[in-house]
Amino acid sequence: MTRQTLPYEVTGKTGFTDLIILTHADLTDGDASQVIELLPVAAGDFIDKVATKLVTPFDSADADIVSVTITVGDGGSAARFLASQELCLDGTEIDFKAGTGTLHAYTAADTVDATVACTAAQLLSDMDAGEIWIFIARARLNALGTPIT
């Protein structure tokens, strides 16, 4: 997994502040589901929006894997920011997806997480291709300091 803070030029045009790149190599669990921590959030952080770009559909030499899905959420809801998106070449993959539009304020530390799941009784670790970019808009209100009076 690669995590990047996006430059001001991108943030100013899109509102997205962070980019997380997940590839098939990040799917290491020997079962059909895996939770991956994408971004730590602190009390006072807000997540405004999430969107994705499927760069390379996920695929495996295992013909029994016909579905790979992702949701993006946190400790309170696995799909708080992005409902299920199909990523598998053998499914009907979705190249771009906008999140649920949920603005969420954090009152305690948490993490934004991706939950990736494949066809039941198959192994995510069998994936040998795939890359998705996850864009997140985060505001860090505690980092703004004391207001001028």
N, C-alpha and C. Protein backbone atom coordinates (compact mmCIF):
# COMPACT_ATOMS: atom_id res chain seq x y z
N MET A 1 0.85 -1.17 0.00
CA MET A 1 0.00 0.00 0.00
C MET A 1 0.90 1.23 0.00
N THR A 2 0.50 2.19 -0.81
CA THR A 2 1.19 3.47 -0.86
C THR A 2 0.21 4.55 -0.44
N ARG A 3 0.67 5.45 0.44
CA ARG A 3 -0.16 6.56 0.89
C ARG A 3 0.56 7.86 0.55
N GLN A 4 -0.15 8.79 -0.10
CA GLN A 4 0.44 10.07 -0.48
C GLN A 4 -0.48 11.21 -0.04
N THR A 5 0.13 12.29 0.44
CA THR A 5 -0.61 13.52 0.64
C THR A 5 -0.57 14.24 -0.69
N LEU A 6 -1.73 14.60 -1.20
CA LEU A 6 -1.80 15.22 -2.51
C LEU A 6 -1.34 16.68 -2.44
N PRO A 7 -0.70 17.17 -3.50
CA PRO A 7 -0.22 18.56 -3.50
C PRO A 7 -1.38 19.55 -3.54
N TYR A 8 -1.09 20.77 -3.12
CA TYR A 8 -2.11 21.80 -3.04
C TYR A 8 -2.84 22.00 -4.37
N GLU A 9 -2.13 21.90 -5.47
CA GLU A 9 -2.75 22.10 -6.79
C GLU A 9 -3.89 21.10 -7.01
N VAL A 10 -3.71 19.87 -6.58
CA VAL A 10 -4.75 18.85 -6.72
C VAL A 10 -5.85 19.07 -5.68
N THR A 11 -5.45 19.31 -4.45
CA THR A 11 -6.42 19.51 -3.37
C THR A 11 -7.32 20.71 -3.68
N GLY A 12 -6.73 21.79 -4.17
CA GLY A 12 -7.50 22.99 -4.48
C GLY A 12 -8.53 22.76 -5.58
N LYS A 13 -8.23 21.89 -6.53
CA LYS A 13 -9.14 21.64 -7.65
C LYS A 13 -10.17 20.57 -7.34
N THR A 14 -9.80 19.56 -6.55
CA THR A 14 -10.68 18.41 -6.34
C THR A 14 -11.22 18.30 -4.92
N GLY A 15 -10.52 18.87 -3.96
CA GLY A 15 -10.90 18.71 -2.56
C GLY A 15 -10.27 17.49 -1.90
N PHE A 16 -9.70 16.59 -2.71
CA PHE A 16 -9.08 15.39 -2.14
C PHE A 16 -7.70 15.73 -1.57
N THR A 17 -7.43 15.22 -0.38
CA THR A 17 -6.17 15.50 0.30
C THR A 17 -5.22 14.32 0.34
N ASP A 18 -5.76 13.11 0.22
CA ASP A 18 -4.94 11.91 0.36
C ASP A 18 -5.26 10.92 -0.75
N LEU A 19 -4.21 10.22 -1.19
CA LEU A 19 -4.34 9.15 -2.18
C LEU A 19 -3.73 7.90 -1.59
N ILE A 20 -4.50 6.82 -1.61
CA ILE A 20 -4.00 5.51 -1.18
C ILE A 20 -4.07 4.59 -2.38
N ILE A 21 -2.96 3.92 -2.67
CA ILE A 21 -2.90 2.97 -3.79
C ILE A 21 -2.81 1.57 -3.21
N LEU A 22 -3.81 0.75 -3.51
CA LEU A 22 -3.81 -0.66 -3.11
C LEU A 22 -3.59 -1.50 -4.35
N THR A 23 -2.77 -2.52 -4.22
CA THR A 23 -2.56 -3.46 -5.32
C THR A 23 -2.84 -4.88 -4.83
N HIS A 24 -2.81 -5.81 -5.76
CA HIS A 24 -3.03 -7.22 -5.40
C HIS A 24 -2.01 -7.69 -4.36
N ALA A 25 -0.82 -7.10 -4.35
CA ALA A 25 0.22 -7.50 -3.39
C ALA A 25 -0.17 -7.18 -1.95
N ASP A 26 -1.11 -6.24 -1.76
CA ASP A 26 -1.57 -5.89 -0.41
C ASP A 26 -2.59 -6.89 0.13
N LEU A 27 -3.09 -7.76 -0.72
CA LEU A 27 -4.09 -8.76 -0.31
C LEU A 27 -3.35 -10.02 0.12
N THR A 28 -3.06 -10.10 1.39
CA THR A 28 -2.20 -11.16 1.91
C THR A 28 -2.94 -12.19 2.76
N ASP A 29 -4.20 -11.90 3.10
CA ASP A 29 -4.93 -12.83 3.96
C ASP A 29 -5.25 -14.13 3.22
N GLY A 30 -5.11 -15.22 3.91
CA GLY A 30 -5.40 -16.53 3.35
C GLY A 30 -6.85 -16.91 3.54
N ASP A 31 -7.75 -15.95 3.34
CA ASP A 31 -9.19 -16.24 3.36
C ASP A 31 -9.88 -15.30 2.39
N ALA A 32 -11.19 -15.18 2.47
CA ALA A 32 -11.96 -14.44 1.47
C ALA A 32 -12.21 -12.99 1.83
N SER A 33 -11.70 -12.51 2.97
CA SER A 33 -11.95 -11.12 3.37
C SER A 33 -10.75 -10.57 4.13
N GLN A 34 -10.48 -9.27 3.93
CA GLN A 34 -9.37 -8.62 4.61
C GLN A 34 -9.70 -7.16 4.85
N VAL A 35 -9.39 -6.66 6.05
CA VAL A 35 -9.54 -5.25 6.38
C VAL A 35 -8.15 -4.62 6.33
N ILE A 36 -8.03 -3.52 5.59
CA ILE A 36 -6.75 -2.84 5.42
C ILE A 36 -6.90 -1.41 5.94
N GLU A 37 -6.06 -1.03 6.91
CA GLU A 37 -6.08 0.34 7.43
C GLU A 37 -5.48 1.27 6.39
N LEU A 38 -6.29 2.26 5.94
CA LEU A 38 -5.85 3.18 4.91
C LEU A 38 -5.26 4.46 5.47
N LEU A 39 -5.91 5.04 6.48
CA LEU A 39 -5.55 6.38 6.92
C LEU A 39 -5.93 6.55 8.38
N PRO A 40 -4.97 6.95 9.23
CA PRO A 40 -5.34 7.24 10.61
C PRO A 40 -6.06 8.58 10.69
N VAL A 41 -7.05 8.66 11.55
CA VAL A 41 -7.75 9.92 11.80
C VAL A 41 -7.72 10.20 13.30
N ALA A 42 -7.66 11.49 13.63
CA ALA A 42 -7.61 11.92 15.02
C ALA A 42 -8.91 12.62 15.38
N ALA A 43 -9.13 12.78 16.67
CA ALA A 43 -10.27 13.58 17.12
C ALA A 43 -10.13 14.96 16.49
N GLY A 44 -11.24 15.47 15.93
CA GLY A 44 -11.21 16.76 15.25
C GLY A 44 -11.02 16.65 13.74
N ASP A 45 -10.76 15.45 13.25
CA ASP A 45 -10.68 15.24 11.80
C ASP A 45 -12.08 15.02 11.23
N PHE A 46 -12.26 15.44 9.99
CA PHE A 46 -13.49 15.20 9.26
C PHE A 46 -13.13 14.50 7.96
N ILE A 47 -13.87 13.49 7.59
CA ILE A 47 -13.75 12.91 6.26
C ILE A 47 -14.95 13.40 5.49
N ASP A 48 -14.67 14.07 4.37
CA ASP A 48 -15.71 14.72 3.59
C ASP A 48 -16.20 13.84 2.45
N LYS A 49 -15.28 13.21 1.74
CA LYS A 49 -15.68 12.38 0.59
C LYS A 49 -14.59 11.38 0.26
N VAL A 50 -15.02 10.34 -0.45
CA VAL A 50 -14.13 9.27 -0.91
C VAL A 50 -14.54 8.94 -2.34
N ALA A 51 -13.55 8.69 -3.19
CA ALA A 51 -13.82 8.24 -4.56
C ALA A 51 -12.70 7.29 -4.97
N THR A 52 -12.96 6.47 -5.98
CA THR A 52 -11.97 5.50 -6.41
C THR A 52 -11.78 5.52 -7.92
N LYS A 53 -10.60 5.05 -8.31
CA LYS A 53 -10.28 4.82 -9.72
C LYS A 53 -9.65 3.44 -9.81
N LEU A 54 -10.31 2.52 -10.50
CA LEU A 54 -9.77 1.18 -10.70
C LEU A 54 -8.79 1.25 -11.87
N VAL A 55 -7.51 1.18 -11.57
CA VAL A 55 -6.47 1.31 -12.59
C VAL A 55 -6.30 0.01 -13.35
N THR A 56 -6.24 -1.10 -12.61
CA THR A 56 -6.12 -2.43 -13.20
C THR A 56 -7.10 -3.36 -12.49
N PRO A 57 -8.04 -3.98 -13.21
CA PRO A 57 -8.97 -4.90 -12.54
C PRO A 57 -8.22 -6.02 -11.82
N PHE A 58 -8.79 -6.47 -10.71
CA PHE A 58 -8.18 -7.55 -9.94
C PHE A 58 -8.49 -8.87 -10.63
N ASP A 59 -7.48 -9.75 -10.65
CA ASP A 59 -7.63 -11.02 -11.35
C ASP A 59 -6.74 -12.07 -10.68
N SER A 60 -7.07 -13.31 -10.97
CA SER A 60 -6.34 -14.45 -10.42
C SER A 60 -6.36 -15.59 -11.42
N ALA A 61 -5.35 -16.41 -11.37
CA ALA A 61 -5.34 -17.62 -12.19
C ALA A 61 -6.40 -18.61 -11.72
N ASP A 62 -6.90 -18.41 -10.49
CA ASP A 62 -7.95 -19.26 -9.94
C ASP A 62 -9.29 -18.87 -10.56
N ALA A 63 -9.80 -19.67 -11.46
CA ALA A 63 -11.04 -19.37 -12.19
C ALA A 63 -12.27 -19.35 -11.27
N ASP A 64 -12.14 -19.86 -10.05
CA ASP A 64 -13.27 -19.86 -9.12
C ASP A 64 -13.49 -18.49 -8.48
N ILE A 65 -12.52 -17.59 -8.60
CA ILE A 65 -12.69 -16.23 -8.07
C ILE A 65 -13.35 -15.39 -9.15
N VAL A 66 -14.62 -15.10 -8.96
CA VAL A 66 -15.39 -14.34 -9.96
C VAL A 66 -15.87 -13.00 -9.41
N SER A 67 -15.51 -12.69 -8.16
CA SER A 67 -15.90 -11.42 -7.57
C SER A 67 -14.85 -10.98 -6.56
N VAL A 68 -14.48 -9.69 -6.64
CA VAL A 68 -13.65 -9.05 -5.62
C VAL A 68 -14.28 -7.68 -5.39
N THR A 69 -14.69 -7.41 -4.16
CA THR A 69 -15.35 -6.14 -3.86
C THR A 69 -14.58 -5.37 -2.79
N ILE A 70 -14.83 -4.05 -2.77
CA ILE A 70 -14.22 -3.20 -1.76
C ILE A 70 -15.29 -2.27 -1.20
N THR A 71 -15.22 -2.02 0.10
CA THR A 71 -15.98 -0.96 0.75
C THR A 71 -14.97 -0.12 1.51
N VAL A 72 -15.31 1.14 1.80
CA VAL A 72 -14.43 2.00 2.59
C VAL A 72 -15.26 2.59 3.72
N GLY A 73 -14.76 2.40 4.93
CA GLY A 73 -15.45 2.89 6.11
C GLY A 73 -14.48 3.10 7.25
N ASP A 74 -14.95 2.79 8.46
CA ASP A 74 -14.12 2.95 9.65
C ASP A 74 -14.59 1.95 10.70
N GLY A 75 -14.15 2.15 11.94
CA GLY A 75 -14.52 1.23 13.01
C GLY A 75 -16.00 1.19 13.31
N GLY A 76 -16.73 2.24 12.93
CA GLY A 76 -18.16 2.29 13.20
C GLY A 76 -19.03 1.72 12.10
N SER A 77 -18.53 1.75 10.86
CA SER A 77 -19.30 1.26 9.72
C SER A 77 -18.34 0.94 8.58
N ALA A 78 -18.33 -0.30 8.16
CA ALA A 78 -17.38 -0.74 7.13
C ALA A 78 -17.63 -0.09 5.77
N ALA A 79 -18.82 0.44 5.55
CA ALA A 79 -19.14 1.08 4.26
C ALA A 79 -19.61 2.52 4.46
N ARG A 80 -19.11 3.18 5.49
CA ARG A 80 -19.54 4.55 5.79
C ARG A 80 -19.32 5.49 4.61
N PHE A 81 -18.20 5.33 3.89
CA PHE A 81 -17.82 6.30 2.85
C PHE A 81 -17.97 5.76 1.43
N LEU A 82 -17.87 4.46 1.24
CA LEU A 82 -17.98 3.88 -0.10
C LEU A 82 -18.69 2.54 -0.01
N ALA A 83 -19.84 2.46 -0.69
CA ALA A 83 -20.56 1.19 -0.74
C ALA A 83 -19.81 0.24 -1.67
N SER A 84 -20.22 -0.98 -1.70
CA SER A 84 -19.52 -2.03 -2.43
C SER A 84 -19.25 -1.69 -3.89
N GLN A 85 -17.99 -1.88 -4.29
CA GLN A 85 -17.55 -1.67 -5.67
C GLN A 85 -16.91 -2.97 -6.16
N GLU A 86 -17.32 -3.44 -7.32
CA GLU A 86 -16.76 -4.65 -7.92
C GLU A 86 -15.42 -4.30 -8.58
N LEU A 87 -14.39 -5.10 -8.27
CA LEU A 87 -13.04 -4.87 -8.78
C LEU A 87 -12.54 -5.98 -9.69
N CYS A 88 -13.27 -7.10 -9.77
CA CYS A 88 -12.77 -8.31 -10.43
C CYS A 88 -12.98 -8.28 -11.94
N LEU A 89 -11.96 -8.70 -12.66
CA LEU A 89 -12.03 -8.79 -14.11
C LEU A 89 -13.11 -9.78 -14.54
N ASP A 90 -13.32 -10.84 -13.75
CA ASP A 90 -14.32 -11.85 -14.08
C ASP A 90 -15.73 -11.46 -13.66
N GLY A 91 -15.85 -10.33 -12.97
CA GLY A 91 -17.17 -9.80 -12.60
C GLY A 91 -17.51 -8.68 -13.56
N THR A 92 -18.30 -7.76 -13.12
CA THR A 92 -18.57 -6.56 -13.92
C THR A 92 -17.89 -5.42 -13.18
N GLU A 93 -16.59 -5.26 -13.43
CA GLU A 93 -15.81 -4.29 -12.67
C GLU A 93 -16.30 -2.87 -12.94
N ILE A 94 -16.17 -2.04 -11.90
CA ILE A 94 -16.58 -0.64 -11.96
C ILE A 94 -15.31 0.19 -11.91
N ASP A 95 -15.04 0.96 -12.97
CA ASP A 95 -13.78 1.68 -13.08
C ASP A 95 -13.69 2.89 -12.16
N PHE A 96 -14.80 3.60 -11.95
CA PHE A 96 -14.81 4.79 -11.11
C PHE A 96 -16.03 4.73 -10.21
N LYS A 97 -15.85 5.16 -8.95
CA LYS A 97 -17.00 5.17 -8.05
C LYS A 97 -16.86 6.33 -7.08
N ALA A 98 -17.95 7.05 -6.90
CA ALA A 98 -18.02 8.10 -5.89
C ALA A 98 -18.58 7.50 -4.62
N GLY A 99 -18.13 8.02 -3.51
CA GLY A 99 -18.59 7.51 -2.23
C GLY A 99 -20.01 7.90 -1.90
N THR A 100 -20.41 7.58 -0.69
CA THR A 100 -21.78 7.79 -0.24
C THR A 100 -22.09 9.25 0.04
N GLY A 101 -21.07 10.11 0.06
CA GLY A 101 -21.29 11.53 0.37
C GLY A 101 -21.44 11.80 1.85
N THR A 102 -21.04 10.87 2.68
CA THR A 102 -21.17 11.00 4.12
C THR A 102 -20.04 11.88 4.67
N LEU A 103 -20.41 13.00 5.26
CA LEU A 103 -19.46 13.83 6.00
C LEU A 103 -19.45 13.30 7.42
N HIS A 104 -18.27 12.94 7.90
CA HIS A 104 -18.21 12.35 9.24
C HIS A 104 -17.15 13.05 10.07
N ALA A 105 -17.53 13.47 11.27
CA ALA A 105 -16.62 14.11 12.22
C ALA A 105 -16.17 13.08 13.24
N TYR A 106 -14.88 13.05 13.52
CA TYR A 106 -14.33 12.11 14.49
C TYR A 106 -14.14 12.80 15.83
N THR A 107 -14.68 12.20 16.88
CA THR A 107 -14.51 12.71 18.23
C THR A 107 -13.43 11.93 18.98
N ALA A 108 -12.96 10.85 18.37
CA ALA A 108 -11.88 10.04 18.94
C ALA A 108 -11.07 9.47 17.79
N ALA A 109 -9.86 9.07 18.07
CA ALA A 109 -8.99 8.49 17.05
C ALA A 109 -9.62 7.23 16.45
N ASP A 110 -9.39 7.01 15.18
CA ASP A 110 -9.92 5.85 14.46
C ASP A 110 -9.03 5.67 13.23
N THR A 111 -9.44 4.80 12.33
CA THR A 111 -8.78 4.65 11.04
C THR A 111 -9.84 4.53 9.96
N VAL A 112 -9.52 5.06 8.78
CA VAL A 112 -10.34 4.81 7.61
C VAL A 112 -9.84 3.49 7.06
N ASP A 113 -10.74 2.55 6.80
CA ASP A 113 -10.37 1.19 6.42
C ASP A 113 -11.03 0.79 5.11
N ALA A 114 -10.34 -0.06 4.37
CA ALA A 114 -10.93 -0.72 3.21
C ALA A 114 -11.19 -2.17 3.61
N THR A 115 -12.36 -2.66 3.26
CA THR A 115 -12.65 -4.08 3.43
C THR A 115 -12.74 -4.68 2.04
N VAL A 116 -11.85 -5.61 1.76
CA VAL A 116 -11.81 -6.27 0.46
C VAL A 116 -12.26 -7.71 0.66
N ALA A 117 -13.16 -8.16 -0.21
CA ALA A 117 -13.69 -9.52 -0.09
C ALA A 117 -13.77 -10.15 -1.48
N CYS A 118 -13.56 -11.45 -1.54
CA CYS A 118 -13.68 -12.15 -2.81
C CYS A 118 -14.72 -13.26 -2.69
N THR A 119 -14.90 -13.99 -3.76
CA THR A 119 -15.84 -15.10 -3.82
C THR A 119 -15.67 -15.99 -2.59
N ALA A 120 -16.77 -16.37 -1.97
CA ALA A 120 -16.74 -17.19 -0.76
C ALA A 120 -15.90 -18.44 -0.97
N ALA A 121 -15.20 -18.82 0.07
CA ALA A 121 -14.37 -20.03 0.12
C ALA A 121 -13.14 -19.94 -0.80
N GLN A 122 -12.80 -18.73 -1.26
CA GLN A 122 -11.59 -18.53 -2.07
C GLN A 122 -10.59 -17.70 -1.27
N LEU A 123 -9.41 -17.46 -1.82
CA LEU A 123 -8.34 -16.78 -1.10
C LEU A 123 -7.99 -15.46 -1.78
N LEU A 124 -8.05 -14.37 -1.04
CA LEU A 124 -7.61 -13.08 -1.58
C LEU A 124 -6.13 -13.12 -1.97
N SER A 125 -5.35 -13.88 -1.22
CA SER A 125 -3.92 -13.94 -1.50
C SER A 125 -3.61 -14.59 -2.84
N ASP A 126 -4.60 -15.17 -3.51
CA ASP A 126 -4.40 -15.74 -4.85
C ASP A 126 -4.42 -14.69 -5.96
N MET A 127 -4.77 -13.44 -5.62
CA MET A 127 -4.80 -12.39 -6.64
C MET A 127 -3.39 -12.17 -7.21
N ASP A 128 -3.29 -12.09 -8.53
CA ASP A 128 -1.98 -11.83 -9.13
C ASP A 128 -1.98 -10.60 -10.03
N ALA A 129 -3.07 -9.83 -10.01
CA ALA A 129 -3.14 -8.56 -10.73
C ALA A 129 -4.19 -7.69 -10.05
N GLY A 130 -4.02 -6.39 -10.16
CA GLY A 130 -5.01 -5.45 -9.65
C GLY A 130 -4.39 -4.25 -8.99
N GLU A 131 -5.01 -3.08 -9.24
CA GLU A 131 -4.59 -1.83 -8.60
C GLU A 131 -5.77 -0.87 -8.55
N ILE A 132 -6.02 -0.31 -7.38
CA ILE A 132 -7.07 0.68 -7.20
C ILE A 132 -6.51 1.89 -6.47
N TRP A 133 -6.91 3.07 -6.92
CA TRP A 133 -6.55 4.32 -6.26
C TRP A 133 -7.76 4.79 -5.47
N ILE A 134 -7.54 5.11 -4.19
CA ILE A 134 -8.60 5.59 -3.31
C ILE A 134 -8.27 7.02 -2.91
N PHE A 135 -9.15 7.95 -3.28
CA PHE A 135 -8.98 9.36 -2.98
C PHE A 135 -9.85 9.71 -1.78
N ILE A 136 -9.26 10.44 -0.81
CA ILE A 136 -9.97 10.80 0.42
C ILE A 136 -9.82 12.30 0.65
N ALA A 137 -10.92 12.96 1.01
CA ALA A 137 -10.89 14.37 1.40
C ALA A 137 -11.00 14.43 2.92
N ARG A 138 -9.94 14.92 3.54
CA ARG A 138 -9.87 14.99 5.01
C ARG A 138 -9.59 16.43 5.43
N ALA A 139 -10.31 16.92 6.43
CA ALA A 139 -10.03 18.21 7.05
C ALA A 139 -9.55 17.94 8.47
N ARG A 140 -8.48 18.60 8.85
CA ARG A 140 -7.90 18.42 10.18
C ARG A 140 -8.10 19.69 10.98
N LEU A 141 -9.26 19.82 11.61
CA LEU A 141 -9.60 21.06 12.28
C LEU A 141 -8.70 21.38 13.45
N ASN A 142 -8.21 20.38 14.17
CA ASN A 142 -7.30 20.64 15.29
C ASN A 142 -5.97 21.21 14.81
N ALA A 143 -5.61 20.99 13.55
CA ALA A 143 -4.36 21.51 13.02
C ALA A 143 -4.46 22.99 12.63
N LEU A 144 -5.66 23.57 12.67
CA LEU A 144 -5.84 24.95 12.24
C LEU A 144 -5.41 25.95 13.31
N GLY A 145 -5.27 25.53 14.55
CA GLY A 145 -4.81 26.43 15.60
C GLY A 145 -5.93 27.24 16.22
N THR A 146 -5.55 28.24 16.99
CA THR A 146 -6.50 29.08 17.70
C THR A 146 -7.00 30.20 16.80
N PRO A 147 -8.31 30.43 16.78
CA PRO A 147 -8.84 31.52 15.95
C PRO A 147 -8.33 32.88 16.39
N ILE A 148 -8.23 33.81 15.47
CA ILE A 148 -7.81 35.17 15.78
C ILE A 148 -9.03 35.90 16.35
N THR A 149 -8.82 36.60 17.44
CA THR A 149 -9.94 37.35 18.05
C THR A 149 -9.74 38.83 17.92
